[in-house]
Amino acid sequence: MLHRIYRRIRFGLLTILTVSIVACTSNDRVAVDADCYTVQHVAGETCVPRQPQRVVALDSVTFEYLLSLGIRPIGAVSSTFAADLQQDLTEVADIGSTGEPNLEKILALQPDLIVGIDYYQTIYSQSSQIAPTVLYEVEHSGKWNEIFLNFAQMLQKGEVAQQVMNDYYTRLEQFKQQMGERLKNTEVSVVRIYPERINLYLKDSFCGTILQDAGLPRPPAQAIAADEAQKRFGNPIQTSISRELLSQADGDVMFVWTGENTVEANQQAQQKLAQLKSDPLWQKLEVVQQNKIYQVPSYWIGSGPIAANLVVDDLFKYLINR
């Protein structure tokens, strides 16, 4: 009898203990779920903090996206392409150069979230031990709008992102109205000068999509969609031309830039442009003779709403306010 009572008491205690453990575990899970949410991304699955306070950007694209959403990173890679954005944010710690973030520097910052493009899958196992890490796919810069909106959804900032894009489109509508009849008759050429080559930026490049959104036509050699460009040139957004084909760079106006990742490469590209300006084939271009060439900063390469609005600023500056 006493043995049976003991067994019942022991069973009851075990049951209570088991229920208590399950309850505690369940409460722990609720707490975790209240503080973070699960995101599927190119490198796996991550529980992202609902209100991250210490975010690190692994690249300049992510840095711009975060700023666009009102999130100020505590650390980011240094990049000549993001120099215009970073110059006023001196409190953002430098975690290394483009393509080579320093994990020790990131660790020292004690981030609660690390974000970057899919290029950084090679360091994902290490970065995710430092803090929850989310990596997202970037096919090419011409898909910046879609990529930005998807990125915002991962951070539960979809409404903020949509408002950012609405503001962008509102500005473009104002641009179209002010251009009037000139809009459909102004062919815009976009040229990037590298240290060793001359490239045309095509229809579905970052700047190309902005020109499309603005309703501006492109020269035939540049009005090539991404799929066709990939087949013909092995690149969806740009193609190289020889000096003998400089006529493909002609237009009613031309925007040209020389942005590179290093100071030395930038200087070489500037020298290339200076040499080009003295080339007889360059001087024969109608756009050159009409003095309608405008050199612009490297934000024309992209790749987010801030850069897009800077490009729109240039459209107003050179096509309307001049």
Protein backbone atom coordinates (compact mmCIF):
# COMPACT_ATOMS: atom_id res chain seq x y z
CA MET A 1 0.00 0.00 0.00
CA LEU A 2 2.73 2.42 1.06
CA HIS A 3 4.69 1.36 -2.00
CA ARG A 4 1.79 2.22 -4.29
CA ILE A 5 1.33 5.61 -2.56
CA TYR A 6 5.05 6.34 -2.99
CA ARG A 7 4.87 5.44 -6.65
CA ARG A 8 1.89 7.78 -7.11
CA ILE A 9 3.64 10.62 -5.26
CA ARG A 10 6.80 10.08 -7.29
CA PHE A 11 4.76 10.01 -10.51
CA GLY A 12 2.93 13.16 -9.44
CA LEU A 13 6.18 14.97 -8.69
CA LEU A 14 7.64 13.88 -12.02
CA THR A 15 4.51 15.07 -13.80
CA ILE A 16 4.62 18.46 -12.05
CA LEU A 17 8.34 18.76 -12.78
CA THR A 18 7.80 17.86 -16.43
CA VAL A 19 4.95 20.35 -16.79
CA SER A 20 7.08 23.03 -15.11
CA ILE A 21 10.00 22.37 -17.44
CA VAL A 22 7.75 22.48 -20.50
CA ALA A 23 6.12 25.67 -19.24
CA CYS A 24 9.48 27.32 -18.64
CA THR A 25 10.73 26.19 -22.03
CA SER A 26 7.55 27.44 -23.66
CA ASN A 27 7.89 30.79 -21.90
CA ASP A 28 11.49 31.03 -23.04
CA ARG A 29 10.39 30.40 -26.61
CA VAL A 30 7.70 33.04 -26.34
CA ALA A 31 10.30 35.50 -25.07
CA VAL A 32 12.62 34.71 -27.94
CA ASP A 33 9.80 34.95 -30.46
CA ALA A 34 8.77 38.28 -28.94
CA ASP A 35 12.27 39.65 -29.42
CA CYS A 36 13.02 38.27 -32.88
CA TYR A 37 11.38 36.79 -35.95
CA THR A 38 12.60 34.19 -38.43
CA VAL A 39 13.83 35.26 -41.86
CA GLN A 40 14.68 32.91 -44.72
CA HIS A 41 17.57 34.24 -46.82
CA VAL A 42 20.21 33.06 -49.28
CA ALA A 43 22.53 31.75 -46.56
CA GLY A 44 19.94 30.05 -44.36
CA GLU A 45 17.50 31.00 -41.62
CA THR A 46 18.04 33.72 -39.04
CA CYS A 47 16.06 35.04 -36.09
CA VAL A 48 16.25 38.79 -36.63
CA PRO A 49 15.87 41.19 -33.68
CA ARG A 50 12.64 43.15 -33.93
CA GLN A 51 14.32 46.39 -32.89
CA PRO A 52 18.03 46.11 -33.68
CA GLN A 53 20.12 48.89 -32.19
CA ARG A 54 23.62 47.97 -33.34
CA VAL A 55 23.55 47.05 -37.03
CA VAL A 56 26.64 46.42 -39.15
CA ALA A 57 26.56 46.73 -42.97
CA LEU A 58 28.98 44.46 -44.83
CA ASP A 59 28.87 46.50 -48.06
CA SER A 60 27.98 49.90 -49.47
CA VAL A 61 24.69 48.70 -51.01
CA THR A 62 23.42 47.51 -47.64
CA PHE A 63 24.71 50.69 -46.00
CA GLU A 64 22.59 52.78 -48.36
CA TYR A 65 19.52 50.59 -47.93
CA LEU A 66 19.74 50.87 -44.14
CA LEU A 67 20.04 54.66 -44.26
CA SER A 68 17.07 54.80 -46.64
CA LEU A 69 15.00 52.94 -44.05
CA GLY A 70 16.04 55.25 -41.22
CA ILE A 71 18.49 52.76 -39.69
CA ARG A 72 21.93 54.19 -38.94
CA PRO A 73 24.57 51.44 -38.90
CA ILE A 74 27.26 51.45 -36.23
CA GLY A 75 29.77 49.96 -38.67
CA ALA A 76 30.27 49.68 -42.43
CA VAL A 77 32.99 49.01 -44.98
CA SER A 78 34.76 52.00 -46.47
CA SER A 79 33.97 52.51 -50.14
CA THR A 80 34.61 55.25 -52.67
CA PHE A 81 31.14 54.55 -54.04
CA ALA A 82 29.57 55.33 -50.65
CA ALA A 83 31.89 58.23 -49.84
CA ASP A 84 29.15 60.82 -50.40
CA LEU A 85 26.94 58.99 -47.89
CA GLN A 86 29.64 58.29 -45.33
CA GLN A 87 31.30 61.70 -45.15
CA ASP A 88 28.64 63.12 -42.81
CA LEU A 89 28.46 59.97 -40.65
CA THR A 90 31.77 60.11 -38.85
CA GLU A 91 30.43 58.01 -35.96
CA VAL A 92 30.09 54.95 -38.23
CA ALA A 93 33.03 52.65 -37.53
CA ASP A 94 35.17 51.49 -40.45
CA ILE A 95 35.11 47.68 -40.53
CA GLY A 96 37.38 47.23 -43.55
CA SER A 97 37.41 47.74 -47.28
CA THR A 98 34.90 46.68 -49.93
CA GLY A 99 34.83 42.89 -50.19
CA GLU A 100 37.06 42.46 -47.14
CA PRO A 101 35.22 43.24 -43.90
CA ASN A 102 37.33 42.68 -40.80
CA LEU A 103 35.59 40.19 -38.51
CA GLU A 104 37.64 41.24 -35.48
CA LYS A 105 36.52 44.84 -35.92
CA ILE A 106 32.92 43.68 -36.28
CA LEU A 107 33.19 41.58 -33.11
CA ALA A 108 34.56 44.57 -31.17
CA LEU A 109 31.46 46.59 -32.10
CA GLN A 110 29.17 44.03 -30.41
CA PRO A 111 26.47 44.23 -33.09
CA ASP A 112 23.01 42.77 -32.64
CA LEU A 113 22.52 42.35 -36.41
CA ILE A 114 24.83 41.97 -39.41
CA VAL A 115 23.48 42.48 -42.92
CA GLY A 116 25.04 42.12 -46.36
CA ILE A 117 24.70 40.98 -49.95
CA ASP A 118 25.02 37.33 -50.99
CA TYR A 119 28.71 37.79 -51.86
CA TYR A 120 29.47 37.31 -48.16
CA GLN A 121 28.21 33.74 -47.91
CA THR A 122 31.89 32.76 -47.56
CA ILE A 123 32.03 34.39 -44.10
CA TYR A 124 28.46 33.64 -43.03
CA SER A 125 29.40 30.83 -40.63
CA GLN A 126 31.80 33.19 -38.86
CA SER A 127 29.67 36.34 -38.89
CA SER A 128 26.59 34.48 -37.63
CA GLN A 129 28.59 33.48 -34.53
CA ILE A 130 29.15 37.17 -33.81
CA ALA A 131 25.52 38.25 -34.32
CA PRO A 132 22.42 37.22 -36.28
CA THR A 133 23.39 37.64 -39.93
CA VAL A 134 21.10 38.14 -42.92
CA LEU A 135 22.37 37.97 -46.51
CA TYR A 136 20.23 38.86 -49.51
CA GLU A 137 20.54 38.19 -53.23
CA VAL A 138 21.63 40.90 -55.66
CA GLU A 139 21.40 39.78 -59.28
CA HIS A 140 22.42 43.14 -60.74
CA SER A 141 22.06 46.83 -59.89
CA GLY A 142 19.20 47.38 -62.32
CA LYS A 143 16.89 45.43 -59.99
CA TRP A 144 17.57 47.86 -57.17
CA ASN A 145 13.91 48.75 -56.64
CA GLU A 146 12.81 45.14 -56.19
CA ILE A 147 15.88 44.28 -54.09
CA PHE A 148 15.35 47.27 -51.82
CA LEU A 149 11.69 46.44 -51.19
CA ASN A 150 12.53 42.78 -50.45
CA PHE A 151 15.35 43.88 -48.15
CA ALA A 152 12.95 46.16 -46.28
CA GLN A 153 10.47 43.31 -45.84
CA MET A 154 13.19 41.21 -44.20
CA LEU A 155 13.66 43.99 -41.64
CA GLN A 156 9.90 44.56 -41.29
CA LYS A 157 10.23 48.01 -42.84
CA GLY A 158 8.03 47.44 -45.87
CA GLU A 159 5.82 50.48 -45.32
CA VAL A 160 8.81 52.76 -44.87
CA ALA A 161 10.37 51.45 -48.08
CA GLN A 162 7.15 51.91 -50.04
CA GLN A 163 6.92 55.53 -48.92
CA VAL A 164 10.54 56.08 -49.97
CA MET A 165 9.73 54.73 -53.42
CA ASN A 166 6.51 56.75 -53.65
CA ASP A 167 8.51 59.92 -52.97
CA TYR A 168 10.98 58.94 -55.69
CA TYR A 169 8.19 58.45 -58.26
CA THR A 170 6.56 61.73 -57.23
CA ARG A 171 9.79 63.57 -58.01
CA LEU A 172 9.98 61.89 -61.41
CA GLU A 173 6.44 62.97 -62.23
CA GLN A 174 7.47 66.53 -61.45
CA PHE A 175 10.48 66.12 -63.72
CA LYS A 176 8.34 64.84 -66.59
CA GLN A 177 5.92 67.73 -66.26
CA GLN A 178 8.72 70.29 -66.31
CA MET A 179 10.41 68.65 -69.30
CA GLY A 180 7.20 68.81 -71.32
CA GLU A 181 7.63 68.08 -75.03
CA ARG A 182 11.40 67.90 -74.69
CA LEU A 183 11.09 64.68 -72.71
CA LYS A 184 10.49 62.31 -75.61
CA ASN A 185 13.04 64.06 -77.82
CA THR A 186 16.05 64.02 -75.48
CA GLU A 187 18.21 60.93 -75.99
CA VAL A 188 20.39 60.36 -72.95
CA SER A 189 23.72 58.59 -73.29
CA VAL A 190 25.50 57.18 -70.22
CA VAL A 191 29.21 56.41 -70.38
CA ARG A 192 31.58 55.11 -67.75
CA ILE A 193 35.31 55.53 -68.25
CA TYR A 194 37.47 52.79 -66.76
CA PRO A 195 41.28 53.00 -66.64
CA GLU A 196 41.52 50.62 -69.60
CA ARG A 197 38.19 50.81 -71.40
CA ILE A 198 35.06 52.76 -72.32
CA ASN A 199 31.69 51.33 -71.31
CA LEU A 200 28.12 52.14 -72.24
CA TYR A 201 25.56 51.72 -69.47
CA LEU A 202 22.49 50.02 -70.85
CA LYS A 203 18.73 50.18 -70.44
CA ASP A 204 18.45 47.97 -67.34
CA SER A 205 21.46 49.27 -65.43
CA PHE A 206 20.82 51.19 -62.20
CA CYS A 207 20.97 54.59 -63.90
CA GLY A 208 19.24 53.12 -66.96
CA THR A 209 16.17 52.19 -64.93
CA ILE A 210 15.99 55.72 -63.53
CA LEU A 211 16.11 57.15 -67.04
CA GLN A 212 13.30 54.74 -67.97
CA ASP A 213 11.28 55.87 -64.95
CA ALA A 214 11.91 59.47 -66.02
CA GLY A 215 10.58 58.73 -69.51
CA LEU A 216 13.87 59.60 -71.24
CA PRO A 217 14.83 57.71 -74.43
CA ARG A 218 18.26 56.17 -74.95
CA PRO A 219 20.51 55.89 -78.02
CA PRO A 220 19.82 52.63 -79.92
CA ALA A 221 23.15 51.06 -78.90
CA GLN A 222 22.26 51.61 -75.23
CA ALA A 223 18.55 50.73 -75.32
CA ILE A 224 19.28 47.04 -74.81
CA ALA A 225 17.42 45.08 -72.12
CA ALA A 226 19.25 42.97 -69.54
CA ASP A 227 18.44 39.53 -70.99
CA GLU A 228 19.56 40.53 -74.48
CA ALA A 229 22.66 42.26 -73.13
CA GLN A 230 23.60 39.16 -71.17
CA LYS A 231 23.36 37.05 -74.33
CA ARG A 232 25.28 39.50 -76.50
CA PHE A 233 27.87 40.89 -74.11
CA GLY A 234 27.96 38.53 -71.14
CA ASN A 235 26.87 41.42 -68.92
CA PRO A 236 23.26 42.56 -68.32
CA ILE A 237 23.95 46.23 -67.61
CA GLN A 238 27.01 47.48 -69.53
CA THR A 239 29.22 46.81 -72.52
CA SER A 240 32.64 47.96 -73.66
CA ILE A 241 33.23 49.79 -76.93
CA SER A 242 36.39 50.55 -78.86
CA ARG A 243 37.31 54.10 -79.86
CA GLU A 244 36.22 53.19 -83.40
CA LEU A 245 32.68 52.69 -82.04
CA LEU A 246 32.51 55.94 -80.11
CA SER A 247 29.54 56.98 -82.23
CA GLN A 248 27.48 54.58 -80.06
CA ALA A 249 28.10 56.95 -77.16
CA ASP A 250 26.50 59.89 -78.96
CA GLY A 251 23.21 61.40 -77.85
CA ASP A 252 21.45 64.68 -77.20
CA VAL A 253 23.11 64.73 -73.78
CA MET A 254 25.74 62.52 -72.19
CA PHE A 255 26.40 61.75 -68.54
CA VAL A 256 29.88 60.40 -67.91
CA TRP A 257 31.68 59.25 -64.76
CA THR A 258 34.94 57.62 -63.73
CA GLY A 259 34.26 56.08 -60.31
CA GLU A 260 36.62 53.34 -59.13
CA ASN A 261 37.29 51.59 -55.83
CA THR A 262 40.75 53.05 -55.21
CA VAL A 263 42.30 56.51 -55.46
CA GLU A 264 44.89 55.22 -57.91
CA ALA A 265 42.29 53.64 -60.19
CA ASN A 266 40.24 56.84 -60.06
CA GLN A 267 43.25 58.86 -61.17
CA GLN A 268 43.89 56.44 -64.03
CA ALA A 269 40.27 56.68 -65.15
CA GLN A 270 40.44 60.48 -65.04
CA GLN A 271 43.58 60.35 -67.20
CA LYS A 272 41.75 58.07 -69.63
CA LEU A 273 38.90 60.58 -69.89
CA ALA A 274 41.34 63.45 -70.44
CA GLN A 275 42.99 61.51 -73.28
CA LEU A 276 39.59 60.70 -74.75
CA LYS A 277 38.62 64.36 -74.88
CA SER A 278 41.52 65.04 -77.25
CA ASP A 279 40.65 62.11 -79.52
CA PRO A 280 39.37 63.29 -82.96
CA LEU A 281 36.69 60.57 -82.93
CA TRP A 282 35.40 61.88 -79.60
CA GLN A 283 35.43 65.44 -80.85
CA LYS A 284 33.28 64.43 -83.83
CA LEU A 285 30.40 63.42 -81.58
CA GLU A 286 27.37 65.70 -81.87
CA VAL A 287 26.97 65.76 -78.10
CA VAL A 288 30.56 67.00 -77.76
CA GLN A 289 30.09 69.70 -80.38
CA GLN A 290 26.89 70.84 -78.65
CA ASN A 291 28.72 70.94 -75.30
CA LYS A 292 26.12 68.67 -73.69
CA ILE A 293 28.46 66.36 -71.77
CA TYR A 294 28.10 66.37 -68.00
CA GLN A 295 30.54 64.63 -65.69
CA VAL A 296 28.75 63.19 -62.66
CA PRO A 297 29.82 61.42 -59.45
CA SER A 298 29.97 57.65 -59.08
CA TYR A 299 26.57 57.42 -57.38
CA TRP A 300 25.33 56.88 -60.94
CA ILE A 301 26.47 53.28 -60.46
CA GLY A 302 23.88 52.82 -57.68
CA SER A 303 22.48 51.12 -55.93
CA GLY A 304 19.60 52.37 -53.80
CA PRO A 305 17.02 55.12 -53.24
CA ILE A 306 19.51 57.70 -51.98
CA ALA A 307 21.70 57.32 -55.07
CA ALA A 308 18.58 57.23 -57.25
CA ASN A 309 17.42 60.57 -55.88
CA LEU A 310 20.88 62.03 -56.43
CA VAL A 311 20.62 60.95 -60.07
CA VAL A 312 17.20 62.61 -60.25
CA ASP A 313 18.83 65.75 -58.81
CA ASP A 314 21.25 65.66 -61.74
CA LEU A 315 18.40 65.30 -64.23
CA PHE A 316 16.80 68.45 -62.82
CA LYS A 317 20.16 70.24 -62.67
CA TYR A 318 21.34 69.54 -66.21
CA LEU A 319 18.13 69.07 -68.20
CA ILE A 320 15.83 71.65 -66.61
CA ASN A 321 17.69 74.19 -64.50
CA ARG A 322 20.65 74.89 -66.80
